[in-house]
Amino acid sequence: MVEVGAAPSRKSTVPILVVWAVSASCIAVASTIVAIVLFVQTRKPPISQSTSSSSSPFLELQESSIPGRYKLVEKGQVSFITLNADHTFNAKDGRTYPSYRWEILHDGLLIVWQKSTSRFDSIESPGVYTGVKPNGTVFRLEKVE
C-alpha cells in the first residue's frame, strides 16, 4: 500500500513520460509538415505576375531585329554603340570586350558593360527602347538606320 505523502513510484512516471514523448514527437512532425506546405505555396508566383509577363512586347521581339547601330542617350549625353548578331557589342570608341554582351529578356533588353548593366524595359517604337536607373535617370537606345 502507498502511503499518503510518499514520493510516487518510478513505475507510475514511466507511462506519463512515454505518452508525453510520443505526443510531442507527433506535434513536431505535424508542425514541420505544415511549415513545408506553407513554404511551397508561397514560392508559387501569383496568377497576376504570370499573366502580366506573357503580355510583354519583348516576348514578340525577333532577335534578328536587334543587331545594328544605336544612339545611346543618357543625361543629355549622346554616344553610339553597335549591337552585333553574336550578342556582343562595340562601344562608342569602337572597342569590344568579352564582357560586353546584350540579351533579350522576357521583360526587357539587357546590355552588360564591363562593370554595370543597362536594362531597357520599354519599347517606345520599333528600334527605340527606354529604361530607368534606380536613381530615376531615364536612358534611351535608338536604332540608327
Protein backbone atom coordinates (compact mmCIF):
# COMPACT_ATOMS: atom_id res chain seq x y z
CA MET A 1 0.00 0.00 0.00
CA VAL A 2 1.21 3.52 -0.83
CA GLU A 3 1.42 5.94 1.99
CA VAL A 4 -0.06 9.39 1.68
CA GLY A 5 2.66 11.96 1.20
CA ALA A 6 5.17 9.43 -0.06
CA ALA A 7 7.05 10.01 -3.32
CA PRO A 8 5.36 8.48 -6.40
CA SER A 9 6.86 5.25 -7.54
CA ARG A 10 9.08 5.08 -10.58
CA LYS A 11 6.62 2.76 -12.34
CA SER A 12 3.87 5.41 -12.44
CA THR A 13 6.08 8.13 -14.05
CA VAL A 14 7.36 5.99 -16.95
CA PRO A 15 3.99 5.77 -18.81
CA ILE A 16 3.49 9.52 -18.41
CA LEU A 17 6.91 10.25 -19.93
CA VAL A 18 6.28 7.86 -22.84
CA VAL A 19 2.90 9.46 -23.61
CA TRP A 20 4.46 12.92 -23.41
CA ALA A 21 7.36 11.95 -25.73
CA VAL A 22 5.07 10.36 -28.32
CA SER A 23 2.63 13.30 -28.34
CA ALA A 24 5.47 15.86 -28.54
CA SER A 25 7.01 13.97 -31.47
CA CYS A 26 3.67 13.85 -33.31
CA ILE A 27 3.16 17.58 -32.82
CA ALA A 28 6.71 18.32 -34.05
CA VAL A 29 6.22 16.20 -37.20
CA ALA A 30 2.82 17.78 -37.92
CA SER A 31 4.13 21.34 -37.49
CA THR A 32 7.08 20.58 -39.77
CA ILE A 33 4.74 19.28 -42.49
CA VAL A 34 2.54 22.38 -42.18
CA ALA A 35 5.61 24.66 -42.42
CA ILE A 36 6.84 22.89 -45.56
CA VAL A 37 3.41 23.08 -47.22
CA LEU A 38 3.09 26.80 -46.45
CA PHE A 39 6.62 27.46 -47.73
CA VAL A 40 5.94 25.66 -51.01
CA GLN A 41 2.70 27.59 -51.51
CA THR A 42 4.43 30.94 -51.05
CA ARG A 43 7.04 30.04 -53.69
CA LYS A 44 4.42 29.79 -56.48
CA PRO A 45 4.08 33.06 -58.45
CA PRO A 46 0.72 34.76 -58.17
CA ILE A 47 -1.55 34.48 -61.21
CA SER A 48 -1.28 38.22 -61.86
CA GLN A 49 2.51 38.00 -62.28
CA SER A 50 2.42 35.05 -64.66
CA THR A 51 -0.19 36.62 -66.93
CA SER A 52 1.47 40.04 -66.98
CA SER A 53 4.76 38.61 -68.23
CA SER A 54 3.00 36.91 -71.15
CA SER A 55 1.84 40.31 -72.42
CA SER A 56 5.39 41.70 -72.58
CA PRO A 57 6.28 43.13 -76.00
CA PHE A 58 9.80 41.72 -75.57
CA LEU A 59 8.43 38.18 -75.95
CA GLU A 60 7.40 39.02 -79.51
CA LEU A 61 10.67 40.79 -80.35
CA GLN A 62 12.66 38.99 -83.04
CA GLU A 63 16.33 38.52 -82.20
CA SER A 64 17.28 39.31 -85.80
CA SER A 65 15.77 42.80 -85.47
CA ILE A 66 18.19 43.85 -82.72
CA PRO A 67 21.68 43.95 -84.35
CA GLY A 68 22.66 47.36 -85.72
CA ARG A 69 23.99 50.78 -84.80
CA TYR A 70 22.27 52.61 -81.94
CA LYS A 71 22.33 56.06 -80.42
CA LEU A 72 22.50 55.88 -76.62
CA VAL A 73 21.15 58.96 -74.84
CA GLU A 74 21.71 59.33 -71.11
CA LYS A 75 21.73 62.51 -69.01
CA GLY A 76 21.72 64.58 -72.19
CA GLN A 77 24.88 62.91 -73.48
CA VAL A 78 24.81 61.04 -76.78
CA SER A 79 27.06 58.16 -77.72
CA PHE A 80 26.85 55.37 -80.29
CA ILE A 81 27.13 51.61 -79.87
CA THR A 82 26.82 48.75 -82.34
CA LEU A 83 24.98 45.60 -81.25
CA ASN A 84 26.32 42.60 -83.14
CA ALA A 85 24.44 39.46 -84.17
CA ASP A 86 26.67 37.30 -81.93
CA HIS A 87 25.34 39.16 -78.83
CA THR A 88 28.50 41.24 -78.40
CA PHE A 89 28.66 44.97 -78.98
CA ASN A 90 31.14 47.68 -79.80
CA ALA A 91 31.19 50.73 -77.56
CA LYS A 92 31.41 54.34 -78.70
CA ASP A 93 35.17 54.11 -79.24
CA GLY A 94 34.78 51.00 -81.42
CA ARG A 95 36.24 48.65 -78.83
CA THR A 96 34.61 45.45 -77.75
CA TYR A 97 35.41 43.43 -74.65
CA PRO A 98 34.46 39.85 -73.73
CA SER A 99 32.17 41.21 -71.03
CA TYR A 100 30.25 43.42 -73.50
CA ARG A 101 27.06 41.42 -74.13
CA TRP A 102 23.39 42.04 -74.91
CA GLU A 103 20.38 39.78 -74.36
CA ILE A 104 16.64 39.90 -74.90
CA LEU A 105 14.88 39.07 -71.65
CA HIS A 106 11.21 38.25 -71.22
CA ASP A 107 10.65 41.77 -69.92
CA GLY A 108 13.44 43.87 -71.41
CA LEU A 109 16.63 44.31 -73.36
CA LEU A 110 19.75 43.92 -71.24
CA ILE A 111 23.14 45.38 -72.10
CA VAL A 112 26.05 44.18 -69.96
CA TRP A 113 29.05 46.50 -69.77
CA GLN A 114 32.33 45.79 -68.01
CA LYS A 115 31.18 46.97 -64.58
CA SER A 116 27.48 47.68 -64.96
CA THR A 117 24.31 46.78 -66.82
CA SER A 118 21.63 48.77 -68.61
CA ARG A 119 18.12 47.33 -68.71
CA PHE A 120 15.67 48.76 -71.21
CA ASP A 121 12.20 47.71 -70.13
CA SER A 122 10.01 49.69 -72.51
CA ILE A 123 9.62 49.72 -76.29
CA GLU A 124 8.51 53.17 -77.48
CA SER A 125 8.52 52.17 -81.15
CA PRO A 126 10.38 49.63 -83.27
CA GLY A 127 14.09 50.07 -82.53
CA VAL A 128 13.56 52.55 -79.68
CA TYR A 129 13.99 51.26 -76.12
CA THR A 130 13.93 53.15 -72.83
CA GLY A 131 14.81 52.35 -69.26
CA VAL A 132 15.07 53.98 -65.86
CA LYS A 133 18.00 53.59 -63.49
CA PRO A 134 17.39 53.12 -59.75
CA ASN A 135 18.26 56.80 -59.19
CA GLY A 136 15.47 57.84 -61.60
CA THR A 137 17.69 58.67 -64.59
CA VAL A 138 15.96 57.85 -67.88
CA PHE A 139 18.09 56.48 -70.68
CA ARG A 140 17.20 55.71 -74.29
CA LEU A 141 18.50 53.48 -77.07
CA GLU A 142 17.50 54.43 -80.64
CA LYS A 143 18.38 52.38 -83.71
CA VAL A 144 20.15 54.43 -86.37
CA GLU A 145 19.23 53.47 -89.95
